[in-house]
Amino acid sequence: MNPHDVVLYPMMTERSIYMIENENKLVFIVNHKANKNDISKAVETLYGVEVESINTLITRKTQKKAFVKLKEAYNASDLAIRLGLL
């Protein structure tokens, strides 16, 4: 899959801000058909970071949400600033 088709947009909530600041995680809404490997490759390609782990869930609105934890060498708040979240 094309990386732009996998990652739809970043999620901006109070909980996601907490995760950015304290857990080095970012939250994205992703394509419903994308698996964790697709999401990992897309985030690494689009944003130039390395992914440590990914957790996904399906929301009540049938959207797929991905919690992306970055490796220690990368800072989620720096990426959030580049994306315009903070």
PDB file of N, CA and C in Angstrom:
ATOM      1  N   MET A   1       0.839  -1.193   0.000  1.00  0.00           N
ATOM      2  CA  MET A   1       0.000   0.000   0.000  1.00  0.00           C
ATOM      3  C   MET A   1       0.876   1.247   0.000  1.00  0.00           C
ATOM      4  N   ASN A   2       0.347   2.278  -0.600  1.00  0.00           N
ATOM      5  CA  ASN A   2       1.005   3.576  -0.607  1.00  0.00           C
ATOM      6  C   ASN A   2       0.969   4.163   0.811  1.00  0.00           C
ATOM      7  N   PRO A   3       2.091   4.708   1.311  1.00  0.00           N
ATOM      8  CA  PRO A   3       2.081   5.249   2.679  1.00  0.00           C
ATOM      9  C   PRO A   3       1.020   6.320   2.919  1.00  0.00           C
ATOM     10  N   HIS A   4       0.709   7.102   1.892  1.00  0.00           N
ATOM     11  CA  HIS A   4      -0.321   8.136   2.052  1.00  0.00           C
ATOM     12  C   HIS A   4      -1.716   7.533   2.130  1.00  0.00           C
ATOM     13  N   ASP A   5      -1.887   6.321   1.620  1.00  0.00           N
ATOM     14  CA  ASP A   5      -3.169   5.634   1.729  1.00  0.00           C
ATOM     15  C   ASP A   5      -3.324   4.921   3.064  1.00  0.00           C
ATOM     16  N   VAL A   6      -2.206   4.614   3.718  1.00  0.00           N
ATOM     17  CA  VAL A   6      -2.247   3.901   5.000  1.00  0.00           C
ATOM     18  C   VAL A   6      -2.564   4.867   6.131  1.00  0.00           C
ATOM     19  N   VAL A   7      -1.761   5.917   6.295  1.00  0.00           N
ATOM     20  CA  VAL A   7      -1.951   6.895   7.375  1.00  0.00           C
ATOM     21  C   VAL A   7      -2.882   7.980   6.858  1.00  0.00           C
ATOM     22  N   LEU A   8      -4.068   8.062   7.450  1.00  0.00           N
ATOM     23  CA  LEU A   8      -5.041   9.052   6.993  1.00  0.00           C
ATOM     24  C   LEU A   8      -4.805  10.417   7.631  1.00  0.00           C
ATOM     25  N   TYR A   9      -4.718  10.457   8.964  1.00  0.00           N
ATOM     26  CA  TYR A   9      -4.429  11.723   9.655  1.00  0.00           C
ATOM     27  C   TYR A   9      -4.059  11.442  11.109  1.00  0.00           C
ATOM     28  N   PRO A  10      -3.313  12.375  11.739  1.00  0.00           N
ATOM     29  CA  PRO A  10      -2.985  12.214  13.158  1.00  0.00           C
ATOM     30  C   PRO A  10      -4.179  12.590  14.032  1.00  0.00           C
ATOM     31  N   MET A  11      -4.279  11.938  15.174  1.00  0.00           N
ATOM     32  CA  MET A  11      -5.381  12.172  16.109  1.00  0.00           C
ATOM     33  C   MET A  11      -4.940  13.194  17.142  1.00  0.00           C
ATOM     34  N   MET A  12      -5.806  14.160  17.435  1.00  0.00           N
ATOM     35  CA  MET A  12      -5.476  15.219  18.374  1.00  0.00           C
ATOM     36  C   MET A  12      -6.534  15.269  19.478  1.00  0.00           C
ATOM     37  N   THR A  13      -6.227  14.641  20.626  1.00  0.00           N
ATOM     38  CA  THR A  13      -7.113  14.671  21.783  1.00  0.00           C
ATOM     39  C   THR A  13      -6.252  14.925  23.022  1.00  0.00           C
ATOM     40  N   GLU A  14      -6.902  15.109  24.157  1.00  0.00           N
ATOM     41  CA  GLU A  14      -6.145  15.289  25.405  1.00  0.00           C
ATOM     42  C   GLU A  14      -5.325  14.049  25.726  1.00  0.00           C
ATOM     43  N   ARG A  15      -5.906  12.893  25.477  1.00  0.00           N
ATOM     44  CA  ARG A  15      -5.198  11.649  25.745  1.00  0.00           C
ATOM     45  C   ARG A  15      -3.976  11.495  24.828  1.00  0.00           C
ATOM     46  N   SER A  16      -4.129  11.876  23.563  1.00  0.00           N
ATOM     47  CA  SER A  16      -2.992  11.756  22.643  1.00  0.00           C
ATOM     48  C   SER A  16      -1.880  12.732  23.010  1.00  0.00           C
ATOM     49  N   ILE A  17      -2.224  13.907  23.497  1.00  0.00           N
ATOM     50  CA  ILE A  17      -1.205  14.869  23.956  1.00  0.00           C
ATOM     51  C   ILE A  17      -0.448  14.284  25.145  1.00  0.00           C
ATOM     52  N   TYR A  18      -1.161  13.644  26.071  1.00  0.00           N
ATOM     53  CA  TYR A  18      -0.514  13.005  27.215  1.00  0.00           C
ATOM     54  C   TYR A  18       0.455  11.921  26.738  1.00  0.00           C
ATOM     55  N   MET A  19       0.023  11.124  25.763  1.00  0.00           N
ATOM     56  CA  MET A  19       0.875  10.047  25.251  1.00  0.00           C
ATOM     57  C   MET A  19       2.106  10.599  24.547  1.00  0.00           C
ATOM     58  N   ILE A  20       1.966  11.711  23.837  1.00  0.00           N
ATOM     59  CA  ILE A  20       3.115  12.335  23.166  1.00  0.00           C
ATOM     60  C   ILE A  20       4.134  12.783  24.198  1.00  0.00           C
ATOM     61  N   GLU A  21       3.668  13.444  25.244  1.00  0.00           N
ATOM     62  CA  GLU A  21       4.584  14.021  26.229  1.00  0.00           C
ATOM     63  C   GLU A  21       5.193  12.988  27.166  1.00  0.00           C
ATOM     64  N   ASN A  22       4.448  11.972  27.556  1.00  0.00           N
ATOM     65  CA  ASN A  22       4.916  11.064  28.604  1.00  0.00           C
ATOM     66  C   ASN A  22       5.319   9.673  28.126  1.00  0.00           C
ATOM     67  N   GLU A  23       4.754   9.192  27.026  1.00  0.00           N
ATOM     68  CA  GLU A  23       4.994   7.819  26.600  1.00  0.00           C
ATOM     69  C   GLU A  23       5.712   7.713  25.263  1.00  0.00           C
ATOM     70  N   ASN A  24       6.045   8.837  24.634  1.00  0.00           N
ATOM     71  CA  ASN A  24       6.721   8.870  23.334  1.00  0.00           C
ATOM     72  C   ASN A  24       5.896   8.135  22.270  1.00  0.00           C
ATOM     73  N   LYS A  25       4.571   8.353  22.290  1.00  0.00           N
ATOM     74  CA  LYS A  25       3.659   7.710  21.341  1.00  0.00           C
ATOM     75  C   LYS A  25       2.893   8.764  20.560  1.00  0.00           C
ATOM     76  N   LEU A  26       2.551   8.412  19.325  1.00  0.00           N
ATOM     77  CA  LEU A  26       1.679   9.221  18.487  1.00  0.00           C
ATOM     78  C   LEU A  26       0.448   8.397  18.135  1.00  0.00           C
ATOM     79  N   VAL A  27      -0.664   9.069  17.888  1.00  0.00           N
ATOM     80  CA  VAL A  27      -1.912   8.385  17.564  1.00  0.00           C
ATOM     81  C   VAL A  27      -2.353   8.814  16.169  1.00  0.00           C
ATOM     82  N   PHE A  28      -2.618   7.829  15.314  1.00  0.00           N
ATOM     83  CA  PHE A  28      -3.047   8.091  13.947  1.00  0.00           C
ATOM     84  C   PHE A  28      -4.333   7.335  13.651  1.00  0.00           C
ATOM     85  N   ILE A  29      -5.160   7.921  12.791  1.00  0.00           N
ATOM     86  CA  ILE A  29      -6.265   7.193  12.187  1.00  0.00           C
ATOM     87  C   ILE A  29      -5.703   6.629  10.884  1.00  0.00           C
ATOM     88  N   VAL A  30      -5.868   5.315  10.707  1.00  0.00           N
ATOM     89  CA  VAL A  30      -5.261   4.641   9.563  1.00  0.00           C
ATOM     90  C   VAL A  30      -6.324   3.903   8.758  1.00  0.00           C
ATOM     91  N   ASN A  31      -5.921   3.450   7.583  1.00  0.00           N
ATOM     92  CA  ASN A  31      -6.795   2.685   6.713  1.00  0.00           C
ATOM     93  C   ASN A  31      -7.244   1.414   7.427  1.00  0.00           C
ATOM     94  N   HIS A  32      -8.495   1.090   7.293  1.00  0.00           N
ATOM     95  CA  HIS A  32      -9.077  -0.061   7.989  1.00  0.00           C
ATOM     96  C   HIS A  32      -8.438  -1.376   7.564  1.00  0.00           C
ATOM     97  N   LYS A  33      -7.936  -1.452   6.333  1.00  0.00           N
ATOM     98  CA  LYS A  33      -7.346  -2.681   5.807  1.00  0.00           C
ATOM     99  C   LYS A  33      -5.854  -2.809   6.088  1.00  0.00           C
ATOM    100  N   ALA A  34      -5.228  -1.777   6.645  1.00  0.00           N
ATOM    101  CA  ALA A  34      -3.785  -1.794   6.890  1.00  0.00           C
ATOM    102  C   ALA A  34      -3.468  -2.639   8.124  1.00  0.00           C
ATOM    103  N   ASN A  35      -2.392  -3.419   8.034  1.00  0.00           N
ATOM    104  CA  ASN A  35      -1.947  -4.182   9.199  1.00  0.00           C
ATOM    105  C   ASN A  35      -0.800  -3.436   9.881  1.00  0.00           C
ATOM    106  N   LYS A  36      -0.275  -3.985  10.971  1.00  0.00           N
ATOM    107  CA  LYS A  36       0.747  -3.294  11.750  1.00  0.00           C
ATOM    108  C   LYS A  36       2.031  -3.083  10.957  1.00  0.00           C
ATOM    109  N   ASN A  37       2.396  -4.048  10.107  1.00  0.00           N
ATOM    110  CA  ASN A  37       3.593  -3.884   9.280  1.00  0.00           C
ATOM    111  C   ASN A  37       3.423  -2.746   8.282  1.00  0.00           C
ATOM    112  N   ASP A  38       2.248  -2.642   7.664  1.00  0.00           N
ATOM    113  CA  ASP A  38       1.970  -1.543   6.733  1.00  0.00           C
ATOM    114  C   ASP A  38       2.042  -0.194   7.445  1.00  0.00           C
ATOM    115  N   ILE A  39       1.479  -0.126   8.634  1.00  0.00           N
ATOM    116  CA  ILE A  39       1.469   1.125   9.393  1.00  0.00           C
ATOM    117  C   ILE A  39       2.893   1.514   9.776  1.00  0.00           C
ATOM    118  N   SER A  40       3.671   0.550  10.234  1.00  0.00           N
ATOM    119  CA  SER A  40       5.054   0.814  10.631  1.00  0.00           C
ATOM    120  C   SER A  40       5.872   1.355   9.461  1.00  0.00           C
ATOM    121  N   LYS A  41       5.783   0.701   8.317  1.00  0.00           N
ATOM    122  CA  LYS A  41       6.526   1.144   7.135  1.00  0.00           C
ATOM    123  C   LYS A  41       6.072   2.527   6.672  1.00  0.00           C
ATOM    124  N   ALA A  42       4.774   2.781   6.735  1.00  0.00           N
ATOM    125  CA  ALA A  42       4.241   4.071   6.296  1.00  0.00           C
ATOM    126  C   ALA A  42       4.722   5.202   7.197  1.00  0.00           C
ATOM    127  N   VAL A  43       4.686   5.002   8.515  1.00  0.00           N
ATOM    128  CA  VAL A  43       5.133   6.047   9.446  1.00  0.00           C
ATOM    129  C   VAL A  43       6.631   6.303   9.276  1.00  0.00           C
ATOM    130  N   GLU A  44       7.409   5.236   9.136  1.00  0.00           N
ATOM    131  CA  GLU A  44       8.847   5.398   8.954  1.00  0.00           C
ATOM    132  C   GLU A  44       9.157   6.118   7.646  1.00  0.00           C
ATOM    133  N   THR A  45       8.428   5.809   6.586  1.00  0.00           N
ATOM    134  CA  THR A  45       8.657   6.448   5.290  1.00  0.00           C
ATOM    135  C   THR A  45       8.221   7.905   5.286  1.00  0.00           C
ATOM    136  N   LEU A  46       7.039   8.172   5.804  1.00  0.00           N
ATOM    137  CA  LEU A  46       6.489   9.531   5.739  1.00  0.00           C
ATOM    138  C   LEU A  46       7.197  10.512   6.664  1.00  0.00           C
ATOM    139  N   TYR A  47       7.586  10.058   7.845  1.00  0.00           N
ATOM    140  CA  TYR A  47       8.066  10.992   8.859  1.00  0.00           C
ATOM    141  C   TYR A  47       9.531  10.814   9.230  1.00  0.00           C
ATOM    142  N   GLY A  48      10.220   9.823   8.674  1.00  0.00           N
ATOM    143  CA  GLY A  48      11.648   9.656   8.908  1.00  0.00           C
ATOM    144  C   GLY A  48      11.997   9.295  10.338  1.00  0.00           C
ATOM    145  N   VAL A  49      11.202   8.453  10.969  1.00  0.00           N
ATOM    146  CA  VAL A  49      11.456   7.994  12.338  1.00  0.00           C
ATOM    147  C   VAL A  49      11.469   6.473  12.352  1.00  0.00           C
ATOM    148  N   GLU A  50      11.917   5.879  13.463  1.00  0.00           N
ATOM    149  CA  GLU A  50      11.883   4.431  13.624  1.00  0.00           C
ATOM    150  C   GLU A  50      10.811   4.072  14.650  1.00  0.00           C
ATOM    151  N   VAL A  51      10.026   3.062  14.330  1.00  0.00           N
ATOM    152  CA  VAL A  51       8.909   2.634  15.167  1.00  0.00           C
ATOM    153  C   VAL A  51       9.348   1.473  16.048  1.00  0.00           C
ATOM    154  N   GLU A  52       9.018   1.567  17.339  1.00  0.00           N
ATOM    155  CA  GLU A  52       9.312   0.476  18.272  1.00  0.00           C
ATOM    156  C   GLU A  52       8.167  -0.526  18.326  1.00  0.00           C
ATOM    157  N   SER A  53       6.933  -0.036  18.491  1.00  0.00           N
ATOM    158  CA  SER A  53       5.776  -0.925  18.557  1.00  0.00           C
ATOM    159  C   SER A  53       4.527  -0.179  18.110  1.00  0.00           C
ATOM    160  N   ILE A  54       3.498  -0.975  17.764  1.00  0.00           N
ATOM    161  CA  ILE A  54       2.218  -0.413  17.328  1.00  0.00           C
ATOM    162  C   ILE A  54       1.095  -1.211  17.975  1.00  0.00           C
ATOM    163  N   ASN A  55       0.122  -0.507  18.517  1.00  0.00           N
ATOM    164  CA  ASN A  55      -1.117  -1.109  19.001  1.00  0.00           C
ATOM    165  C   ASN A  55      -2.257  -0.496  18.196  1.00  0.00           C
ATOM    166  N   THR A  56      -3.217  -1.319  17.806  1.00  0.00           N
ATOM    167  CA  THR A  56      -4.342  -0.820  17.028  1.00  0.00           C
ATOM    168  C   THR A  56      -5.658  -1.193  17.696  1.00  0.00           C
ATOM    169  N   LEU A  57      -6.676  -0.419  17.359  1.00  0.00           N
ATOM    170  CA  LEU A  57      -8.033  -0.734  17.804  1.00  0.00           C
ATOM    171  C   LEU A  57      -9.016  -0.157  16.810  1.00  0.00           C
ATOM    172  N   ILE A  58     -10.217  -0.698  16.832  1.00  0.00           N
ATOM    173  CA  ILE A  58     -11.304  -0.211  15.982  1.00  0.00           C
ATOM    174  C   ILE A  58     -12.257   0.582  16.879  1.00  0.00           C
ATOM    175  N   THR A  59     -12.524   1.826  16.506  1.00  0.00           N
ATOM    176  CA  THR A  59     -13.393   2.678  17.310  1.00  0.00           C
ATOM    177  C   THR A  59     -14.854   2.356  17.033  1.00  0.00           C
ATOM    178  N   ARG A  60     -15.727   2.960  17.797  1.00  0.00           N
ATOM    179  CA  ARG A  60     -17.172   2.757  17.594  1.00  0.00           C
ATOM    180  C   ARG A  60     -17.628   3.295  16.247  1.00  0.00           C
ATOM    181  N   LYS A  61     -16.898   4.266  15.734  1.00  0.00           N
ATOM    182  CA  LYS A  61     -17.222   4.844  14.423  1.00  0.00           C
ATOM    183  C   LYS A  61     -16.616   4.025  13.291  1.00  0.00           C
ATOM    184  N   THR A  62     -16.129   2.838  13.604  1.00  0.00           N
ATOM    185  CA  THR A  62     -15.483   1.900  12.678  1.00  0.00           C
ATOM    186  C   THR A  62     -14.250   2.483  12.004  1.00  0.00           C
ATOM    187  N   GLN A  63     -13.543   3.334  12.732  1.00  0.00           N
ATOM    188  CA  GLN A  63     -12.254   3.829  12.268  1.00  0.00           C
ATOM    189  C   GLN A  63     -11.168   3.023  12.962  1.00  0.00           C
ATOM    190  N   LYS A  64     -10.043   2.832  12.293  1.00  0.00           N
ATOM    191  CA  LYS A  64      -8.933   2.112  12.891  1.00  0.00           C
ATOM    192  C   LYS A  64      -7.953   3.136  13.441  1.00  0.00           C
ATOM    193  N   LYS A  65      -7.643   3.002  14.731  1.00  0.00           N
ATOM    194  CA  LYS A  65      -6.741   3.914  15.418  1.00  0.00           C
ATOM    195  C   LYS A  65      -5.448   3.167  15.732  1.00  0.00           C
ATOM    196  N   ALA A  66      -4.314   3.791  15.431  1.00  0.00           N
ATOM    197  CA  ALA A  66      -3.015   3.171  15.678  1.00  0.00           C
ATOM    198  C   ALA A  66      -2.233   4.010  16.684  1.00  0.00           C
ATOM    199  N   PHE A  67      -1.751   3.349  17.737  1.00  0.00           N
ATOM    200  CA  PHE A  67      -0.894   3.976  18.736  1.00  0.00           C
ATOM    201  C   PHE A  67       0.533   3.571  18.397  1.00  0.00           C
ATOM    202  N   VAL A  68       1.342   4.528  17.948  1.00  0.00           N
ATOM    203  CA  VAL A  68       2.679   4.253  17.437  1.00  0.00           C
ATOM    204  C   VAL A  68       3.701   4.728  18.453  1.00  0.00           C
ATOM    205  N   LYS A  69       4.465   3.791  19.016  1.00  0.00           N
ATOM    206  CA  LYS A  69       5.531   4.128  19.962  1.00  0.00           C
ATOM    207  C   LYS A  69       6.831   4.237  19.185  1.00  0.00           C
ATOM    208  N   LEU A  70       7.509   5.373  19.357  1.00  0.00           N
ATOM    209  CA  LEU A  70       8.771   5.610  18.660  1.00  0.00           C
ATOM    210  C   LEU A  70       9.939   5.103  19.487  1.00  0.00           C
ATOM    211  N   LYS A  71      11.036   4.791  18.816  1.00  0.00           N
ATOM    212  CA  LYS A  71      12.249   4.360  19.518  1.00  0.00           C
ATOM    213  C   LYS A  71      12.815   5.521  20.312  1.00  0.00           C
ATOM    214  N   GLU A  72      13.660   5.195  21.296  1.00  0.00           N
ATOM    215  CA  GLU A  72      14.203   6.196  22.212  1.00  0.00           C
ATOM    216  C   GLU A  72      14.980   7.302  21.495  1.00  0.00           C
ATOM    217  N   ALA A  73      15.583   6.992  20.353  1.00  0.00           N
ATOM    218  CA  ALA A  73      16.390   7.983  19.632  1.00  0.00           C
ATOM    219  C   ALA A  73      15.527   9.097  19.033  1.00  0.00           C
ATOM    220  N   TYR A  74      14.229   8.885  18.935  1.00  0.00           N
ATOM    221  CA  TYR A  74      13.314   9.854  18.331  1.00  0.00           C
ATOM    222  C   TYR A  74      12.342  10.376  19.376  1.00  0.00           C
ATOM    223  N   ASN A  75      11.960  11.632  19.211  1.00  0.00           N
ATOM    224  CA  ASN A  75      11.093  12.290  20.180  1.00  0.00           C
ATOM    225  C   ASN A  75       9.728  12.545  19.536  1.00  0.00           C
ATOM    226  N   ALA A  76       8.679  12.028  20.143  1.00  0.00           N
ATOM    227  CA  ALA A  76       7.331  12.187  19.601  1.00  0.00           C
ATOM    228  C   ALA A  76       6.885  13.642  19.617  1.00  0.00           C
ATOM    229  N   SER A  77       7.325  14.414  20.594  1.00  0.00           N
ATOM    230  CA  SER A  77       6.910  15.819  20.641  1.00  0.00           C
ATOM    231  C   SER A  77       7.532  16.617  19.493  1.00  0.00           C
ATOM    232  N   ASP A  78       8.751  16.274  19.073  1.00  0.00           N
ATOM    233  CA  ASP A  78       9.353  16.947  17.923  1.00  0.00           C
ATOM    234  C   ASP A  78       8.556  16.665  16.651  1.00  0.00           C
ATOM    235  N   LEU A  79       8.162  15.408  16.477  1.00  0.00           N
ATOM    236  CA  LEU A  79       7.365  15.051  15.309  1.00  0.00           C
ATOM    237  C   LEU A  79       5.990  15.701  15.380  1.00  0.00           C
ATOM    238  N   ALA A  80       5.404  15.776  16.559  1.00  0.00           N
ATOM    239  CA  ALA A  80       4.093  16.413  16.715  1.00  0.00           C
ATOM    240  C   ALA A  80       4.172  17.901  16.370  1.00  0.00           C
ATOM    241  N   ILE A  81       5.262  18.546  16.703  1.00  0.00           N
ATOM    242  CA  ILE A  81       5.448  19.957  16.349  1.00  0.00           C
ATOM    243  C   ILE A  81       5.572  20.098  14.823  1.00  0.00           C
ATOM    244  N   ARG A  82       6.318  19.173  14.192  1.00  0.00           N
ATOM    245  CA  ARG A  82       6.435  19.212  12.721  1.00  0.00           C
ATOM    246  C   ARG A  82       5.090  19.003  12.052  1.00  0.00           C
ATOM    247  N   LEU A  83       4.229  18.173  12.651  1.00  0.00           N
ATOM    248  CA  LEU A  83       2.908  17.910  12.090  1.00  0.00           C
ATOM    249  C   LEU A  83       1.894  19.011  12.429  1.00  0.00           C
ATOM    250  N   GLY A  84       2.251  19.908  13.335  1.00  0.00           N
ATOM    251  CA  GLY A  84       1.352  20.980  13.730  1.00  0.00           C
ATOM    252  C   GLY A  84       0.376  20.602  14.811  1.00  0.00           C
ATOM    253  N   LEU A  85       0.656  19.537  15.557  1.00  0.00           N
ATOM    254  CA  LEU A  85      -0.238  19.104  16.635  1.00  0.00           C
ATOM    255  C   LEU A  85      -0.008  19.892  17.918  1.00  0.00           C
ATOM    256  N   LEU A  86       1.221  20.267  18.186  1.00  0.00           N
ATOM    257  CA  LEU A  86       1.543  21.008  19.417  1.00  0.00           C
ATOM    258  C   LEU A  86       1.959  22.424  19.086  1.00  0.00           C
TER     259      LEU A  86
END
